[in-house]
C-alpha atoms as a PDB file:
ATOM      1  CA  MET A   1       3.346 -56.450 -26.968  1.00  0.00           C
ATOM      2  CA  PRO A   2       5.240 -55.613 -23.748  1.00  0.00           C
ATOM      3  CA  PRO A   3       5.641 -58.431 -21.205  1.00  0.00           C
ATOM      4  CA  ILE A   4       3.139 -58.607 -18.357  1.00  0.00           C
ATOM      5  CA  ALA A   5       4.534 -57.036 -15.189  1.00  0.00           C
ATOM      6  CA  ARG A   6       4.614 -59.366 -12.209  1.00  0.00           C
ATOM      7  CA  THR A   7       5.281 -59.136  -8.508  1.00  0.00           C
ATOM      8  CA  SER A   8       5.824 -61.512  -5.599  1.00  0.00           C
ATOM      9  CA  ARG A   9       3.346 -61.701  -2.747  1.00  0.00           C
ATOM     10  CA  LYS A  10       3.544 -63.499   0.602  1.00  0.00           C
ATOM     11  CA  LEU A  11       0.338 -65.372   1.490  1.00  0.00           C
ATOM     12  CA  GLU A  12       0.093 -66.154   5.217  1.00  0.00           C
ATOM     13  CA  VAL A  13      -2.093 -68.766   6.927  1.00  0.00           C
ATOM     14  CA  PHE A  14      -4.301 -68.089   9.962  1.00  0.00           C
ATOM     15  CA  THR A  15      -6.898 -70.020  11.965  1.00  0.00           C
ATOM     16  CA  ILE A  16     -10.260 -68.390  12.717  1.00  0.00           C
ATOM     17  CA  HIS A  17     -11.676 -68.379  16.251  1.00  0.00           C
ATOM     18  CA  ALA A  18     -15.122 -66.905  16.844  1.00  0.00           C
ATOM     19  CA  HIS A  19     -17.436 -67.061  19.852  1.00  0.00           C
ATOM     20  CA  PHE A  20     -20.094 -64.959  21.533  1.00  0.00           C
ATOM     21  CA  GLY A  21     -20.549 -66.364  25.015  1.00  0.00           C
ATOM     22  CA  ALA A  22     -18.879 -68.131  27.909  1.00  0.00           C
ATOM     23  CA  LYS A  23     -20.493 -71.538  27.390  1.00  0.00           C
ATOM     24  CA  ALA A  24     -19.417 -74.293  25.028  1.00  0.00           C
ATOM     25  CA  SER A  25     -22.928 -74.202  23.574  1.00  0.00           C
ATOM     26  CA  ASP A  26     -22.363 -70.606  22.470  1.00  0.00           C
ATOM     27  CA  ALA A  27     -20.703 -71.719  19.262  1.00  0.00           C
ATOM     28  CA  VAL A  28     -20.714 -69.447  16.245  1.00  0.00           C
ATOM     29  CA  ASN A  29     -22.381 -70.669  13.076  1.00  0.00           C
ATOM     30  CA  TYR A  30     -19.709 -69.614  10.585  1.00  0.00           C
ATOM     31  CA  GLN A  31     -21.970 -69.976   7.556  1.00  0.00           C
ATOM     32  CA  ARG A  32     -24.533 -67.707   9.164  1.00  0.00           C
ATOM     33  CA  LEU A  33     -21.935 -65.146  10.207  1.00  0.00           C
ATOM     34  CA  PHE A  34     -20.284 -64.808   6.813  1.00  0.00           C
ATOM     35  CA  ARG A  35     -23.530 -65.047   4.869  1.00  0.00           C
ATOM     36  CA  SER A  36     -24.923 -62.172   6.957  1.00  0.00           C
ATOM     37  CA  ILE A  37     -21.887 -60.038   6.107  1.00  0.00           C
ATOM     38  CA  SER A  38     -21.977 -60.928   2.404  1.00  0.00           C
ATOM     39  CA  GLU A  39     -25.648 -59.905   2.184  1.00  0.00           C
ATOM     40  CA  THR A  40     -25.155 -56.483   3.768  1.00  0.00           C
ATOM     41  CA  THR A  41     -24.884 -53.250   1.814  1.00  0.00           C
ATOM     42  CA  LEU A  42     -21.502 -51.731   0.987  1.00  0.00           C
ATOM     43  CA  ALA A  43     -22.111 -48.946   3.506  1.00  0.00           C
ATOM     44  CA  VAL A  44     -22.443 -51.463   6.342  1.00  0.00           C
ATOM     45  CA  ARG A  45     -19.172 -53.151   5.419  1.00  0.00           C
ATOM     46  CA  VAL A  46     -17.136 -50.151   6.575  1.00  0.00           C
ATOM     47  CA  VAL A  47     -15.799 -49.848  10.136  1.00  0.00           C
ATOM     48  CA  ASN A  48     -13.404 -47.572  11.975  1.00  0.00           C
ATOM     49  CA  ILE A  49     -10.630 -49.258  13.935  1.00  0.00           C
ATOM     50  CA  ALA A  50      -8.128 -47.194  15.919  1.00  0.00           C
ATOM     51  CA  GLY A  51      -8.436 -44.226  13.579  1.00  0.00           C
ATOM     52  CA  LYS A  52      -8.288 -46.347  10.423  1.00  0.00           C
ATOM     53  CA  SER A  53     -11.204 -47.110   8.131  1.00  0.00           C
ATOM     54  CA  ILE A  54     -11.533 -50.719   6.936  1.00  0.00           C
ATOM     55  CA  ALA A  55     -13.928 -51.479   4.076  1.00  0.00           C
ATOM     56  CA  PHE A  56     -14.948 -54.758   2.410  1.00  0.00           C
ATOM     57  CA  PRO A  57     -16.356 -53.692  -0.986  1.00  0.00           C
ATOM     58  CA  GLU A  58     -15.795 -57.252  -2.207  1.00  0.00           C
ATOM     59  CA  PHE A  59     -17.098 -59.959   0.126  1.00  0.00           C
ATOM     60  CA  ARG A  60     -18.255 -63.009  -1.850  1.00  0.00           C
ATOM     61  CA  LEU A  61     -19.465 -66.264  -0.305  1.00  0.00           C
ATOM     62  CA  ASP A  62     -19.441 -69.336  -2.546  1.00  0.00           C
ATOM     63  CA  GLU A  63     -20.348 -72.423  -0.518  1.00  0.00           C
ATOM     64  CA  ASN A  64     -17.434 -72.680   1.954  1.00  0.00           C
ATOM     65  CA  ILE A  65     -15.141 -70.100   0.348  1.00  0.00           C
ATOM     66  CA  ILE A  66     -15.193 -66.362   1.072  1.00  0.00           C
ATOM     67  CA  VAL A  67     -13.224 -64.031  -1.172  1.00  0.00           C
ATOM     68  CA  LEU A  68     -12.773 -60.544   0.234  1.00  0.00           C
ATOM     69  CA  THR A  69     -10.772 -57.408  -0.409  1.00  0.00           C
ATOM     70  CA  ALA A  70      -9.981 -55.141   2.536  1.00  0.00           C
ATOM     71  CA  TYR A  71      -9.340 -51.474   1.856  1.00  0.00           C
ATOM     72  CA  GLU A  72      -7.537 -49.568   4.618  1.00  0.00           C
ATOM     73  CA  GLY A  73      -7.503 -45.785   4.664  1.00  0.00           C
ATOM     74  CA  GLU A  74      -6.394 -43.223   7.241  1.00  0.00           C
ATOM     75  CA  GLU A  75      -7.738 -39.787   8.004  1.00  0.00           C
ATOM     76  CA  GLY A  76      -6.010 -36.787   6.454  1.00  0.00           C
ATOM     77  CA  ASN A  77      -5.010 -35.483   3.049  1.00  0.00           C
ATOM     78  CA  PRO A  78      -2.034 -37.138   1.299  1.00  0.00           C
ATOM     79  CA  LEU A  79       1.311 -35.383   0.951  1.00  0.00           C
ATOM     80  CA  PHE A  80       3.016 -35.490  -2.452  1.00  0.00           C
ATOM     81  CA  TYR A  81       6.679 -34.607  -3.000  1.00  0.00           C
ATOM     82  CA  ASP A  82       8.276 -33.636  -6.300  1.00  0.00           C
ATOM     83  CA  PHE A  83      11.731 -35.218  -6.152  1.00  0.00           C
ATOM     84  CA  VAL A  84      12.895 -33.332  -9.266  1.00  0.00           C
ATOM     85  CA  ASN A  85      11.887 -29.815  -8.243  1.00  0.00           C
ATOM     86  CA  ALA A  86      12.098 -30.336  -4.472  1.00  0.00           C
ATOM     87  CA  LYS A  87       8.535 -29.189  -3.865  1.00  0.00           C
ATOM     88  CA  GLU A  88       5.708 -30.599  -1.814  1.00  0.00           C
ATOM     89  CA  ARG A  89       1.964 -30.277  -2.025  1.00  0.00           C
ATOM     90  CA  ILE A  90      -0.999 -31.581  -0.088  1.00  0.00           C
ATOM     91  CA  GLU A  91      -3.888 -32.949  -2.119  1.00  0.00           C
ATOM     92  CA  GLU A  92      -7.267 -32.138  -0.606  1.00  0.00           C
ATOM     93  CA  LEU A  93      -9.486 -35.176  -1.057  1.00  0.00           C
ATOM     94  CA  PRO A  94     -13.257 -35.025  -1.573  1.00  0.00           C
ATOM     95  CA  LYS A  95     -15.400 -35.933   1.430  1.00  0.00           C
ATOM     96  CA  GLY A  96     -15.449 -39.678   2.004  1.00  0.00           C
ATOM     97  CA  GLU A  97     -12.255 -40.362   0.058  1.00  0.00           C
ATOM     98  CA  LYS A  98      -9.052 -41.586   1.735  1.00  0.00           C
ATOM     99  CA  LEU A  99      -5.711 -42.716   0.433  1.00  0.00           C
ATOM    100  CA  ALA A 100      -6.207 -46.477   0.600  1.00  0.00           C
ATOM    101  CA  THR A 101      -4.292 -49.737   0.335  1.00  0.00           C
ATOM    102  CA  LYS A 102      -5.800 -53.090  -0.650  1.00  0.00           C
ATOM    103  CA  THR A 103      -5.287 -56.440   1.055  1.00  0.00           C
ATOM    104  CA  HIS A 104      -6.679 -59.647  -0.455  1.00  0.00           C
ATOM    105  CA  CYS A 105      -7.949 -62.536   1.649  1.00  0.00           C
ATOM    106  CA  VAL A 106      -9.675 -65.897   1.226  1.00  0.00           C
ATOM    107  CA  ILE A 107     -11.444 -67.711   4.062  1.00  0.00           C
ATOM    108  CA  ASN A 108     -12.174 -71.442   3.923  1.00  0.00           C
ATOM    109  CA  LEU A 109     -15.003 -72.397   6.269  1.00  0.00           C
ATOM    110  CA  ALA A 110     -14.310 -76.112   5.828  1.00  0.00           C
ATOM    111  CA  THR A 111     -10.816 -75.774   7.319  1.00  0.00           C
ATOM    112  CA  ARG A 112     -11.542 -72.593   9.316  1.00  0.00           C
ATOM    113  CA  GLU A 113      -8.457 -71.057   7.776  1.00  0.00           C
ATOM    114  CA  ALA A 114      -7.863 -67.590   6.380  1.00  0.00           C
ATOM    115  CA  ILE A 115      -5.182 -66.975   3.755  1.00  0.00           C
ATOM    116  CA  VAL A 116      -4.151 -63.328   3.955  1.00  0.00           C
ATOM    117  CA  GLU A 117      -1.934 -61.399   1.571  1.00  0.00           C
ATOM    118  CA  TYR A 118       0.834 -59.819   3.637  1.00  0.00           C
ATOM    119  CA  ASN A 119       0.735 -56.108   2.951  1.00  0.00           C
ATOM    120  CA  GLN A 120       3.220 -53.958   4.833  1.00  0.00           C
ATOM    121  CA  ARG A 121       1.155 -50.789   4.488  1.00  0.00           C
ATOM    122  CA  GLY A 122      -2.371 -52.177   4.293  1.00  0.00           C
ATOM    123  CA  ALA A 123      -4.798 -54.033   6.541  1.00  0.00           C
ATOM    124  CA  LYS A 124      -3.272 -56.904   8.485  1.00  0.00           C
ATOM    125  CA  ALA A 125      -4.950 -60.155   9.504  1.00  0.00           C
ATOM    126  CA  ALA A 126      -5.855 -58.670  12.899  1.00  0.00           C
ATOM    127  CA  ASP A 127      -7.543 -55.695  11.209  1.00  0.00           C
ATOM    128  CA  ILE A 128      -9.614 -57.979   8.984  1.00  0.00           C
ATOM    129  CA  ALA A 129     -10.660 -60.099  11.988  1.00  0.00           C
ATOM    130  CA  MET A 130     -11.658 -56.993  13.930  1.00  0.00           C
ATOM    131  CA  ALA A 131     -13.678 -55.645  10.997  1.00  0.00           C
ATOM    132  CA  ILE A 132     -15.503 -58.987  10.627  1.00  0.00           C
ATOM    133  CA  GLN A 133     -16.220 -58.879  14.353  1.00  0.00           C
ATOM    134  CA  GLU A 134     -17.675 -55.373  14.286  1.00  0.00           C
ATOM    135  CA  ILE A 135     -19.781 -55.958  11.173  1.00  0.00           C
ATOM    136  CA  GLY A 136     -20.932 -59.315  12.555  1.00  0.00           C
ATOM    137  CA  ARG A 137     -22.054 -57.682  15.790  1.00  0.00           C
ATOM    138  CA  SER A 138     -24.177 -55.202  13.870  1.00  0.00           C
ATOM    139  CA  LYS A 139     -25.804 -57.794  11.572  1.00  0.00           C
ATOM    140  CA  THR A 140     -26.464 -60.707  13.965  1.00  0.00           C
ATOM    141  CA  THR A 141     -27.854 -61.203  17.453  1.00  0.00           C
ATOM    142  CA  TRP A 142     -24.325 -61.920  18.729  1.00  0.00           C
ATOM    143  CA  LYS A 143     -23.660 -58.489  20.208  1.00  0.00           C
ATOM    144  CA  ASP A 144     -20.613 -59.707  22.155  1.00  0.00           C
ATOM    145  CA  LEU A 145     -19.138 -61.564  19.162  1.00  0.00           C
ATOM    146  CA  GLU A 146     -15.352 -61.927  19.252  1.00  0.00           C
ATOM    147  CA  VAL A 147     -13.298 -62.884  16.192  1.00  0.00           C
ATOM    148  CA  GLU A 148      -9.582 -63.666  16.176  1.00  0.00           C
ATOM    149  CA  PHE A 149      -7.145 -64.812  13.489  1.00  0.00           C
ATOM    150  CA  THR A 150      -4.279 -66.809  15.041  1.00  0.00           C
ATOM    151  CA  PRO A 151      -1.233 -67.642  12.916  1.00  0.00           C
ATOM    152  CA  VAL A 152      -0.565 -71.177  11.766  1.00  0.00           C
ATOM    153  CA  PHE A 153       3.090 -71.765  12.601  1.00  0.00           C
ATOM    154  CA  ASP A 154       5.473 -73.678  10.387  1.00  0.00           C
ATOM    155  CA  GLN A 155       7.247 -76.756  11.740  1.00  0.00           C
ATOM    156  CA  SER A 156      10.542 -74.873  11.349  1.00  0.00           C
ATOM    157  CA  PHE A 157       9.556 -72.954  14.496  1.00  0.00           C
ATOM    158  CA  LEU A 158       9.657 -76.244  16.396  1.00  0.00           C
ATOM    159  CA  GLN A 159      13.115 -76.899  14.951  1.00  0.00           C
ATOM    160  CA  ALA A 160      14.239 -73.439  16.066  1.00  0.00           C
ATOM    161  CA  VAL A 161      13.010 -74.072  19.625  1.00  0.00           C
ATOM    162  CA  ASN A 162      14.709 -77.487  19.686  1.00  0.00           C
ATOM    163  CA  SER A 163      18.025 -75.898  18.675  1.00  0.00           C
ATOM    164  CA  PHE A 164      18.456 -74.353  22.155  1.00  0.00           C
ATOM    165  CA  SER A 165      20.713 -76.081  24.645  1.00  0.00           C
ATOM    166  CA  ARG A 166      19.514 -73.709  27.378  1.00  0.00           C
ATOM    167  CA  ILE A 167      16.279 -71.728  27.527  1.00  0.00           C
ATOM    168  CA  ARG A 168      16.262 -68.839  29.974  1.00  0.00           C
ATOM    169  CA  VAL A 169      12.925 -67.175  29.173  1.00  0.00           C
ATOM    170  CA  ALA A 170       9.770 -68.266  27.377  1.00  0.00           C
ATOM    171  CA  SER A 171       6.532 -66.391  26.798  1.00  0.00           C
ATOM    172  CA  VAL A 172       3.252 -67.304  25.206  1.00  0.00           C
ATOM    173  CA  LYS A 173       0.137 -65.424  24.189  1.00  0.00           C
ATOM    174  CA  MET A 174      -3.025 -67.282  23.305  1.00  0.00           C
ATOM    175  CA  VAL A 175      -6.606 -66.379  22.552  1.00  0.00           C
ATOM    176  CA  ARG A 176      -9.779 -68.088  23.628  1.00  0.00           C
ATOM    177  CA  PRO A 177     -10.301 -70.947  21.164  1.00  0.00           C
ATOM    178  CA  ASN A 178     -13.675 -71.802  19.704  1.00  0.00           C
ATOM    179  CA  PRO A 179     -15.950 -72.718  21.399  1.00  0.00           C
ATOM    180  CA  ASP A 180     -14.261 -72.442  24.809  1.00  0.00           C
ATOM    181  CA  TRP A 181     -10.981 -72.776  26.684  1.00  0.00           C
ATOM    182  CA  THR A 182     -11.162 -76.579  26.859  1.00  0.00           C
ATOM    183  CA  ASP A 183      -9.561 -77.280  23.476  1.00  0.00           C
ATOM    184  CA  ASN A 184      -6.224 -77.687  25.285  1.00  0.00           C
ATOM    185  CA  VAL A 185      -6.916 -78.869  28.825  1.00  0.00           C
ATOM    186  CA  THR A 186      -4.094 -77.377  30.896  1.00  0.00           C
ATOM    187  CA  LEU A 187      -3.630 -75.200  33.939  1.00  0.00           C
ATOM    188  CA  LEU A 188      -3.070 -72.280  31.547  1.00  0.00           C
ATOM    189  CA  THR A 189      -6.361 -72.641  29.708  1.00  0.00           C
ATOM    190  CA  GLY A 190      -8.183 -73.465  32.933  1.00  0.00           C
ATOM    191  CA  LEU A 191      -6.951 -70.227  34.475  1.00  0.00           C
ATOM    192  CA  ALA A 192      -8.122 -68.256  31.460  1.00  0.00           C
ATOM    193  CA  LYS A 193     -11.527 -69.923  31.428  1.00  0.00           C
ATOM    194  CA  ASP A 194     -12.092 -69.291  35.136  1.00  0.00           C
ATOM    195  CA  SER A 195     -11.067 -65.671  34.652  1.00  0.00           C
ATOM    196  CA  LYS A 196     -13.483 -65.264  31.716  1.00  0.00           C
ATOM    197  CA  ALA A 197     -10.515 -63.972  29.736  1.00  0.00           C
ATOM    198  CA  HIS A 198     -10.382 -63.280  26.019  1.00  0.00           C
ATOM    199  CA  LEU A 199      -6.592 -63.441  25.842  1.00  0.00           C
ATOM    200  CA  ILE A 200      -3.926 -64.744  28.199  1.00  0.00           C
ATOM    201  CA  GLU A 201      -0.195 -64.013  28.216  1.00  0.00           C
ATOM    202  CA  VAL A 202       2.353 -65.868  30.357  1.00  0.00           C
ATOM    203  CA  THR A 203       6.125 -65.479  30.758  1.00  0.00           C
ATOM    204  CA  VAL A 204       8.361 -67.873  32.685  1.00  0.00           C
ATOM    205  CA  ASN A 205      12.021 -67.426  33.658  1.00  0.00           C
ATOM    206  CA  ALA A 206      14.531 -70.133  34.508  1.00  0.00           C
ATOM    207  CA  GLU A 207      16.483 -70.133  37.746  1.00  0.00           C
ATOM    208  CA  ARG A 208      19.919 -68.517  37.577  1.00  0.00           C
ATOM    209  CA  ALA A 209      22.316 -70.477  35.322  1.00  0.00           C
ATOM    210  CA  GLN A 210      19.608 -73.105  34.752  1.00  0.00           C
ATOM    211  CA  SER A 211      17.371 -73.944  31.804  1.00  0.00           C
ATOM    212  CA  LEU A 212      13.631 -74.262  31.550  1.00  0.00           C
ATOM    213  CA  ASN A 213      12.350 -77.790  31.090  1.00  0.00           C
ATOM    214  CA  GLN A 214      12.353 -78.334  27.335  1.00  0.00           C
ATOM    215  CA  SER A 215       9.761 -81.097  27.221  1.00  0.00           C
ATOM    216  CA  LYS A 216       7.301 -80.107  29.941  1.00  0.00           C
ATOM    217  CA  GLY A 217       5.787 -76.945  31.337  1.00  0.00           C
ATOM    218  CA  LEU A 218       5.429 -73.924  29.098  1.00  0.00           C
ATOM    219  CA  ILE A 219       7.985 -75.120  26.527  1.00  0.00           C
ATOM    220  CA  GLY A 220       6.186 -78.434  26.188  1.00  0.00           C
ATOM    221  CA  PHE A 221       2.901 -76.565  25.865  1.00  0.00           C
ATOM    222  CA  ILE A 222       4.295 -74.358  23.074  1.00  0.00           C
ATOM    223  CA  LYS A 223       5.655 -77.377  21.222  1.00  0.00           C
ATOM    224  CA  SER A 224       2.292 -79.161  21.438  1.00  0.00           C
ATOM    225  CA  LEU A 225       0.557 -76.194  19.773  1.00  0.00           C
ATOM    226  CA  ILE A 226       3.017 -75.785  16.889  1.00  0.00           C
ATOM    227  CA  GLY A 227       1.320 -77.226  13.838  1.00  0.00           C
ATOM    228  CA  ALA A 228      -1.749 -78.246  15.841  1.00  0.00           C
ATOM    229  CA  LYS A 229      -5.043 -78.053  13.977  1.00  0.00           C
ATOM    230  CA  GLN A 230      -6.922 -74.819  14.766  1.00  0.00           C
ATOM    231  CA  SER A 231      -4.418 -73.815  17.427  1.00  0.00           C
ATOM    232  CA  SER A 232      -5.241 -70.861  19.682  1.00  0.00           C
ATOM    233  CA  LEU A 233      -1.582 -69.853  19.992  1.00  0.00           C
ATOM    234  CA  LYS A 234      -1.296 -66.161  19.092  1.00  0.00           C
ATOM    235  CA  ALA A 235       2.430 -65.709  19.628  1.00  0.00           C
ATOM    236  CA  ALA A 236       5.374 -67.280  21.420  1.00  0.00           C
ATOM    237  CA  ALA A 237       8.988 -66.319  22.045  1.00  0.00           C
ATOM    238  CA  VAL A 238      11.943 -68.225  23.449  1.00  0.00           C
ATOM    239  CA  THR A 239      15.234 -66.713  24.644  1.00  0.00           C
ATOM    240  CA  GLY A 240      18.325 -68.730  25.409  1.00  0.00           C
ATOM    241  CA  THR A 241      21.567 -70.136  24.093  1.00  0.00           C
ATOM    242  CA  ARG A 242      21.783 -72.428  21.098  1.00  0.00           C
ATOM    243  CA  ALA A 243      24.117 -75.389  20.908  1.00  0.00           C
ATOM    244  CA  GLY A 244      27.656 -74.311  20.018  1.00  0.00           C
ATOM    245  CA  GLU A 245      26.994 -70.620  20.756  1.00  0.00           C
ATOM    246  CA  THR A 246      27.668 -68.385  23.745  1.00  0.00           C
ATOM    247  CA  ALA A 247      25.511 -65.341  22.941  1.00  0.00           C
ATOM    248  CA  GLU A 248      21.798 -65.412  23.696  1.00  0.00           C
ATOM    249  CA  THR A 249      19.268 -65.567  20.889  1.00  0.00           C
ATOM    250  CA  THR A 250      15.539 -64.876  20.847  1.00  0.00           C
ATOM    251  CA  VAL A 251      13.284 -66.851  18.540  1.00  0.00           C
ATOM    252  CA  SER A 252       9.838 -65.369  17.867  1.00  0.00           C
ATOM    253  CA  SER A 253       6.939 -67.267  16.362  1.00  0.00           C
ATOM    254  CA  ASN A 254       6.080 -64.175  14.279  1.00  0.00           C
ATOM    255  CA  ASN A 255       8.933 -65.121  11.956  1.00  0.00           C
ATOM    256  CA  TYR A 256       7.603 -68.635  11.389  1.00  0.00           C
ATOM    257  CA  ILE A 257       4.053 -68.130  10.121  1.00  0.00           C
ATOM    258  CA  ALA A 258       3.093 -70.749   7.533  1.00  0.00           C
ATOM    259  CA  HIS A 259       3.022 -69.116   4.117  1.00  0.00           C
ATOM    260  CA  GLN A 260       3.474 -69.425   0.409  1.00  0.00           C
ATOM    261  CA  ARG A 261       5.318 -67.086  -1.953  1.00  0.00           C
ATOM    262  CA  ALA A 262       3.311 -66.441  -5.107  1.00  0.00           C
ATOM    263  CA  VAL A 263       4.088 -64.531  -8.277  1.00  0.00           C
ATOM    264  CA  VAL A 264       1.067 -62.626  -9.614  1.00  0.00           C
ATOM    265  CA  SER A 265       0.491 -60.160 -12.415  1.00  0.00           C
ATOM    266  CA  LYS A 266       0.115 -56.412 -12.012  1.00  0.00           C
ATOM    267  CA  THR A 267      -2.232 -53.966 -13.708  1.00  0.00           C
ATOM    268  CA  LYS A 268      -1.009 -51.122 -15.887  1.00  0.00           C
ATOM    269  CA  ASP A 269      -1.279 -48.902 -12.796  1.00  0.00           C
ATOM    270  CA  GLY A 270       1.208 -51.089 -10.938  1.00  0.00           C
ATOM    271  CA  LEU A 271      -1.338 -52.678  -8.597  1.00  0.00           C
ATOM    272  CA  VAL A 272      -1.807 -56.378  -8.008  1.00  0.00           C
ATOM    273  CA  ASN A 273      -4.261 -57.938 -10.439  1.00  0.00           C
ATOM    274  CA  ASP A 274      -7.315 -58.737  -8.298  1.00  0.00           C
ATOM    275  CA  HIS A 275      -8.466 -61.745 -10.326  1.00  0.00           C
ATOM    276  CA  ASP A 276      -4.979 -63.257 -10.433  1.00  0.00           C
ATOM    277  CA  ILE A 277      -4.236 -62.998  -6.712  1.00  0.00           C
ATOM    278  CA  ASN A 278      -7.751 -64.107  -5.695  1.00  0.00           C
ATOM    279  CA  ASP A 279      -7.402 -67.196  -7.878  1.00  0.00           C
ATOM    280  CA  THR A 280      -3.985 -67.895  -6.330  1.00  0.00           C
ATOM    281  CA  LEU A 281      -5.368 -67.496  -2.795  1.00  0.00           C
ATOM    282  CA  VAL A 282      -8.259 -69.895  -3.481  1.00  0.00           C
ATOM    283  CA  LYS A 283      -5.944 -72.532  -4.958  1.00  0.00           C
ATOM    284  CA  PHE A 284      -3.570 -72.273  -1.998  1.00  0.00           C
ATOM    285  CA  SER A 285      -6.472 -72.584   0.452  1.00  0.00           C
ATOM    286  CA  GLU A 286      -7.963 -75.579  -1.345  1.00  0.00           C
ATOM    287  CA  ALA A 287      -4.555 -77.287  -1.499  1.00  0.00           C
ATOM    288  CA  ARG A 288      -4.403 -77.097   2.314  1.00  0.00           C
ATOM    289  CA  ASP A 289      -7.850 -78.703   2.712  1.00  0.00           C
ATOM    290  CA  PRO A 290      -7.486 -82.442   3.449  1.00  0.00           C
ATOM    291  CA  GLY A 291     -10.992 -82.907   2.071  1.00  0.00           C
ATOM    292  CA  ASN A 292      -9.757 -81.974  -1.399  1.00  0.00           C
ATOM    293  CA  LYS A 293      -6.972 -84.558  -1.466  1.00  0.00           C
ATOM    294  CA  LYS A 294      -7.670 -87.656  -3.502  1.00  0.00           C
END
């Protein structure tokens, strides 16, 4: 019997933020939201986002755990190329069919975390959040529902920021946390709340030949959000000079998303085994839940 084919997958961690109004009392009931989606028909769990179709044919809710598979497909007929005979052909697909890619995801309502399989060609975490938002709007009374997945950043990002001897530029992008902007009481969040903003982005520059304050201001704010529980930090970047170097370096939070590398089996068609990766996602999510630790 031939050995089982396996592949490595990167499983990234995100925090879920959902709200539907400007007041702190307008808090989303996550159980209600995800139960409503799980009870819908397959046809309802299909949305179009920026020319791409996102479908959730699998969307299972078991107490606090949601297991979902996101299919992403684009308009148009696929192009095939014969690398032996140097010929190309376009396959005309039947109506309703699209060349699709699968992304697996598990959401833990107890921790408000989503574990998303990183798929270079398929649906990303932002696509899944947007699809949940659009389906949720159609199946609940929350017509202005907003859903965001913000990355959970590894502590190594903090180490990377601390490695700078001089910081010339820093930028931050953050979303409105659940239920309002008061999760982190600062001038930044106060400005966003007063503006009724969904997302705020700020960039600060140091004076010529000087460095930004590395313990206060925006840098201090970024550091306080790294590793914070249910942080609303969407992205951050720092540009400056590291100790012992002369050339400038930019450190982006996108390269420091908390994750786990997992080896999973593949089907005979070369695709990831759904049962295997879903089981791996659930175990990873449960391992991150403090309530499961004995």
